[in-house]
Structures are given as C-alpha cells and as structure tokens.
C-alpha cells in the first residue's frame, strides 16, 4: 500500500486550464460532477456542512427571533394601577352625571308636559294615556323582537331592537324619575304636574298597564299563529324518522 495521501486526481495528470467560468479538466475523478461556477454578479449558494440542516431549530427549542418578553413585576403593577385609576375616573363621572341629570331632567320633563297640557284636566289625561300606552307597548314589542332575533347576524338585530326599545321608553322613564325620585328636581316636577298637568300621572300609570296587557296579547296571538303554521307544515310535509 502506498503511503501517498488520497488525491482528488487519481489519474496523476495535471489539470488542463479551461476557459472562464469552467473548471479545469482532470481536476475531478471520472464520473464526478464538477460544481458550476456562479454567473458574474450573482451570489454563490450557501454551503451546507454535514450535520447541519438549513432552518433547523436547536435541540432545546430556543430561538433568538420572536422570543416573548415577560413583563416585570413593576410593569404589571403599573398596568393594574392605571386600570384602577381609569375605573375610578369613569365611576366619578357617572356619579356626577347622575346627580346633574337627577336635578335637571325631572324639572325639565315636567315643564315640557305642563306647557303642553296647560292646566287642562282632559288634556292631561289624554296625554298620559297616549304616552303610557305607546311608550310601553312599543318597547315591549322591540324587546321581544330583540330576544327572538338573538344570535343572528352577529347580534346586530338584537342590539338594534334593544336600543330602539330604550329610546321609545324614555318618556315613561322620565315620568318615573319625577314620581319615584327623591331629589329637589323630582319634588319640583311633582308640583308642576299638580298645577299645570292635572291627571297626567294617574293616566300614565293606567296607560302603562294597558300597554303591558296589549303587548302580552299581541305576543300570545303571534306565538299561536306561528305554532299553527308549524303544525300545518308538519301535516302537509310529515317527517319520517330515519333509523
């Protein structure tokens, strides 16, 4: 056995120079594919070595890119303090708004009704009945539709009907703030009702009762109508159990 080291040129012939971009002849053993020289101006391909896989993740699973950074205890405490401060500010604004509206809205609403009724007993009764019935029946109807249409179109009909119901019920809610309120605004509103809108409060209460009864009646007949339609469809198109 020869002590000469392994040579990539077993033929022993010196490599023949070649043209630009071509490997010299005789530099590779027969059957071997010489590497192709990259074109001028291009980046040569990266060389992978044995045991390395491009894009491989280390065995411990740690990566240097996109590693989440956990907040420190001080940062978490600051976030909690900010949320508490924001909540206290919102609560304070709500309390201040409540007291402002509690002092203003009952007196303002009683003034509006008093200017419309102008001390007429019959007009007070008529106004109270109309507002009591309409502003009770329509909101109950909207709330029923909101409940029936829940879960459809990402709850858009539910929210829309609920908002409409609250808006239509505002007159009765304002009357309730005058009757059930205990502030100075509510007491002033009661005096205005007594002088400028006699019979309005009692008529509103009766209108609310009538509106609730009408809403229950309409809901019941609607349910019976839909139930009757389902029964007729089952009779015309009976379903067979598939086992």
Protein backbone atom coordinates (compact mmCIF):
# COMPACT_ATOMS: atom_id res chain seq x y z
CA UNK A 1 0.00 0.00 0.00
CA UNK A 2 1.26 3.42 -0.94
CA UNK A 3 1.77 5.99 1.76
CA UNK A 4 0.69 8.81 -0.52
CA UNK A 5 -2.42 10.68 0.63
CA UNK A 6 -5.66 10.34 -1.21
CA UNK A 7 -5.76 12.67 -4.18
CA UNK A 8 -8.77 14.04 -5.96
CA UNK A 9 -6.92 13.43 -9.25
CA UNK A 10 -6.22 9.65 -9.40
CA UNK A 11 -5.00 9.80 -12.95
CA UNK A 12 -1.91 11.71 -11.95
CA UNK A 13 -2.26 14.06 -14.88
CA UNK A 14 -2.03 17.76 -14.26
CA UNK A 15 -5.29 19.64 -14.74
CA UNK A 16 -5.69 21.39 -18.02
CA UNK A 17 -6.59 25.06 -17.79
CA UNK A 18 -10.07 25.86 -19.06
CA UNK A 19 -11.93 28.92 -20.13
CA UNK A 20 -13.53 31.44 -17.87
CA UNK A 21 -16.37 30.01 -15.75
CA UNK A 22 -15.32 26.36 -16.43
CA UNK A 23 -13.41 24.07 -14.06
CA UNK A 24 -10.07 22.76 -15.26
CA UNK A 25 -10.13 19.30 -16.81
CA UNK A 26 -8.55 16.43 -14.90
CA UNK A 27 -9.23 18.02 -11.52
CA UNK A 28 -12.10 15.60 -10.69
CA UNK A 29 -12.27 11.82 -10.89
CA UNK A 30 -14.19 10.19 -13.72
CA UNK A 31 -17.98 10.24 -13.14
CA UNK A 32 -17.88 13.14 -10.69
CA UNK A 33 -19.96 16.23 -11.44
CA UNK A 34 -17.91 19.38 -11.04
CA UNK A 35 -19.61 22.37 -9.42
CA UNK A 36 -20.98 25.02 -11.69
CA UNK A 37 -19.38 28.40 -11.26
CA UNK A 38 -21.88 31.16 -10.47
CA UNK A 39 -22.61 33.74 -13.10
CA UNK A 40 -20.83 37.07 -12.80
CA UNK A 41 -22.70 39.43 -10.45
CA UNK A 42 -24.68 36.70 -8.63
CA UNK A 43 -24.32 35.41 -5.06
CA UNK A 44 -22.96 31.87 -4.75
CA UNK A 45 -25.26 29.37 -2.98
CA UNK A 46 -24.71 28.79 0.71
CA UNK A 47 -22.67 25.72 1.55
CA UNK A 48 -24.23 23.25 3.93
CA UNK A 49 -21.95 21.13 6.02
CA UNK A 50 -22.59 17.63 7.32
CA UNK A 51 -24.80 17.57 10.39
CA UNK A 52 -26.39 20.95 9.67
CA UNK A 53 -29.89 21.43 8.28
CA UNK A 54 -30.95 24.80 6.94
CA UNK A 55 -33.62 26.35 9.14
CA UNK A 56 -33.16 23.76 11.91
CA UNK A 57 -34.22 24.61 15.44
CA UNK A 58 -31.78 23.94 18.28
CA UNK A 59 -32.48 20.80 20.34
CA UNK A 60 -33.56 22.85 23.36
CA UNK A 61 -36.25 24.57 21.28
CA UNK A 62 -34.94 28.06 21.98
CA UNK A 63 -34.93 30.61 19.20
CA UNK A 64 -33.44 34.05 19.01
CA UNK A 65 -36.19 35.51 16.80
CA UNK A 66 -39.66 36.43 18.14
CA UNK A 67 -38.99 35.30 21.71
CA UNK A 68 -41.77 36.64 24.03
CA UNK A 69 -40.61 39.03 26.69
CA UNK A 70 -42.41 38.62 30.02
CA UNK A 71 -43.32 41.86 31.78
CA UNK A 72 -41.63 42.53 35.06
CA UNK A 73 -43.44 42.86 38.37
CA UNK A 74 -43.13 46.64 38.23
CA UNK A 75 -44.71 46.78 34.77
CA UNK A 76 -47.61 44.58 35.88
CA UNK A 77 -48.17 46.75 38.94
CA UNK A 78 -48.19 49.91 36.79
CA UNK A 79 -50.77 48.34 34.44
CA UNK A 80 -53.03 47.43 37.38
CA UNK A 81 -52.73 50.93 38.85
CA UNK A 82 -53.64 52.51 35.50
CA UNK A 83 -56.74 50.32 35.19
CA UNK A 84 -57.83 51.16 38.74
CA UNK A 85 -57.36 54.89 38.12
CA UNK A 86 -59.33 54.74 34.85
CA UNK A 87 -62.14 52.82 36.59
CA UNK A 88 -62.31 55.37 39.43
CA UNK A 89 -62.43 58.27 36.96
CA UNK A 90 -65.27 56.63 34.99
CA UNK A 91 -67.20 55.91 38.22
CA UNK A 92 -66.78 59.51 39.38
CA UNK A 93 -68.01 60.82 36.02
CA UNK A 94 -71.06 58.54 36.18
CA UNK A 95 -71.90 59.71 39.70
CA UNK A 96 -71.56 63.38 38.75
CA UNK A 97 -73.66 62.83 35.62
CA UNK A 98 -76.35 61.08 37.67
CA UNK A 99 -76.67 63.94 40.15
CA UNK A 100 -76.76 66.52 37.34
CA UNK A 101 -79.46 64.63 35.44
CA UNK A 102 -81.35 63.85 38.66
CA UNK A 103 -81.60 67.57 39.40
CA UNK A 104 -82.29 68.70 35.83
CA UNK A 105 -84.30 66.06 33.93
CA UNK A 106 -87.39 65.75 36.22
CA UNK A 107 -87.91 69.52 36.34
CA UNK A 108 -87.34 69.85 32.58
CA UNK A 109 -89.71 66.97 31.70
CA UNK A 110 -92.45 68.27 33.99
CA UNK A 111 -92.11 71.69 32.38
CA UNK A 112 -92.49 70.19 28.90
CA UNK A 113 -95.66 68.32 29.89
CA UNK A 114 -97.03 71.35 31.73
CA UNK A 115 -96.61 73.61 28.70
CA UNK A 116 -98.38 71.04 26.54
CA UNK A 117 -101.30 70.38 28.89
CA UNK A 118 -101.66 73.99 30.13
CA UNK A 119 -103.69 73.03 33.19
CA UNK A 120 -106.41 71.15 31.28
CA UNK A 121 -107.59 68.04 33.12
CA UNK A 122 -108.86 66.30 29.97
CA UNK A 123 -105.69 67.10 28.04
CA UNK A 124 -103.58 65.79 30.91
CA UNK A 125 -105.48 62.50 30.92
CA UNK A 126 -105.23 62.12 27.14
CA UNK A 127 -101.51 62.90 27.08
CA UNK A 128 -100.81 60.48 29.92
CA UNK A 129 -102.78 57.66 28.30
CA UNK A 130 -101.11 58.09 24.90
CA UNK A 131 -97.58 58.24 26.31
CA UNK A 132 -98.26 55.42 28.76
CA UNK A 133 -99.66 53.04 26.14
CA UNK A 134 -97.32 53.81 23.24
CA UNK A 135 -94.12 54.10 25.31
CA UNK A 136 -94.87 50.76 26.98
CA UNK A 137 -96.32 48.64 24.19
CA UNK A 138 -93.69 49.54 21.57
CA UNK A 139 -90.65 48.98 23.84
CA UNK A 140 -92.01 45.61 24.99
CA UNK A 141 -92.51 44.68 21.34
CA UNK A 142 -88.95 45.75 20.48
CA UNK A 143 -87.51 43.83 23.44
CA UNK A 144 -89.44 40.75 22.33
CA UNK A 145 -88.06 41.06 18.80
CA UNK A 146 -84.59 41.55 20.28
CA UNK A 147 -84.96 38.29 22.21
CA UNK A 148 -86.35 36.39 19.21
CA UNK A 149 -83.58 37.56 16.86
CA UNK A 150 -80.69 36.89 19.23
CA UNK A 151 -77.69 35.12 17.71
CA UNK A 152 -78.40 36.26 14.13
CA UNK A 153 -76.05 38.42 12.04
CA UNK A 154 -73.62 38.74 14.95
CA UNK A 155 -76.43 40.00 17.27
CA UNK A 156 -76.97 43.16 15.18
CA UNK A 157 -80.81 42.88 15.24
CA UNK A 158 -80.72 42.14 18.98
CA UNK A 159 -78.74 45.29 19.75
CA UNK A 160 -80.78 47.43 17.32
CA UNK A 161 -84.17 46.38 18.74
CA UNK A 162 -82.93 46.80 22.32
CA UNK A 163 -81.66 50.32 21.62
CA UNK A 164 -84.93 51.27 19.89
CA UNK A 165 -86.92 49.91 22.83
CA UNK A 166 -84.94 52.02 25.31
CA UNK A 167 -85.32 55.14 23.16
CA UNK A 168 -89.11 54.76 22.85
CA UNK A 169 -89.42 54.11 26.61
CA UNK A 170 -87.63 57.37 27.56
CA UNK A 171 -90.85 59.41 28.17
CA UNK A 172 -92.16 56.88 30.68
CA UNK A 173 -88.73 56.67 32.31
CA UNK A 174 -88.66 60.46 32.69
CA UNK A 175 -92.12 60.41 34.26
CA UNK A 176 -90.89 57.69 36.61
CA UNK A 177 -87.96 59.90 37.68
CA UNK A 178 -90.47 62.59 38.69
CA UNK A 179 -92.84 60.24 40.52
CA UNK A 180 -90.27 57.97 42.22
CA UNK A 181 -87.40 60.44 42.57
CA UNK A 182 -86.43 61.87 45.93
CA UNK A 183 -84.35 64.87 44.92
CA UNK A 184 -85.20 68.53 44.60
CA UNK A 185 -85.75 68.16 40.86
CA UNK A 186 -88.31 65.39 41.39
CA UNK A 187 -90.20 67.42 44.01
CA UNK A 188 -90.26 70.44 41.70
CA UNK A 189 -91.56 68.23 38.89
CA UNK A 190 -94.36 66.91 41.08
CA UNK A 191 -95.50 70.44 41.88
CA UNK A 192 -95.51 71.30 38.17
CA UNK A 193 -97.59 68.20 37.43
CA UNK A 194 -100.08 69.13 40.14
CA UNK A 195 -100.58 72.66 38.82
CA UNK A 196 -100.00 72.51 35.05
CA UNK A 197 -100.72 68.84 34.20
CA UNK A 198 -103.52 67.50 36.42
CA UNK A 199 -104.39 63.86 35.82
CA UNK A 200 -101.22 63.19 33.83
CA UNK A 201 -99.50 60.90 36.34
CA UNK A 202 -102.54 58.71 37.01
CA UNK A 203 -103.34 58.47 33.30
CA UNK A 204 -99.73 57.49 32.55
CA UNK A 205 -99.92 54.69 35.12
CA UNK A 206 -103.13 53.35 33.53
CA UNK A 207 -101.55 53.67 30.09
CA UNK A 208 -98.58 51.57 31.21
CA UNK A 209 -100.93 48.84 32.43
CA UNK A 210 -102.88 48.88 29.17
CA UNK A 211 -99.64 48.81 27.14
CA UNK A 212 -98.36 45.76 29.02
CA UNK A 213 -101.69 43.93 28.52
CA UNK A 214 -101.69 44.75 24.79
CA UNK A 215 -98.08 43.59 24.44
CA UNK A 216 -98.87 40.29 26.18
CA UNK A 217 -101.93 39.80 23.98
CA UNK A 218 -100.06 40.50 20.75
CA UNK A 219 -97.22 38.22 21.82
CA UNK A 220 -99.63 35.43 22.65
CA UNK A 221 -101.50 35.64 19.32
CA UNK A 222 -98.21 35.85 17.42
CA UNK A 223 -96.98 32.73 19.16
CA UNK A 224 -100.26 30.92 18.42
CA UNK A 225 -100.07 31.96 14.77
CA UNK A 226 -96.51 30.69 14.38
CA UNK A 227 -97.35 27.50 16.25
CA UNK A 228 -100.36 26.91 13.99
CA UNK A 229 -98.18 27.43 10.92
CA UNK A 230 -95.66 24.86 12.15
CA UNK A 231 -98.44 22.33 12.76
CA UNK A 232 -99.85 22.85 9.25
CA UNK A 233 -96.39 22.37 7.72
CA UNK A 234 -95.96 19.14 9.68
CA UNK A 235 -99.33 17.90 8.42
CA UNK A 236 -98.57 18.72 4.77
CA UNK A 237 -94.96 17.52 4.91
CA UNK A 238 -94.71 14.85 7.62
CA UNK A 239 -91.20 13.95 8.62
CA UNK A 240 -90.24 10.27 8.88
CA UNK A 241 -87.74 9.05 11.42
CA UNK A 242 -84.66 7.61 9.84
CA UNK A 243 -83.13 4.86 11.88
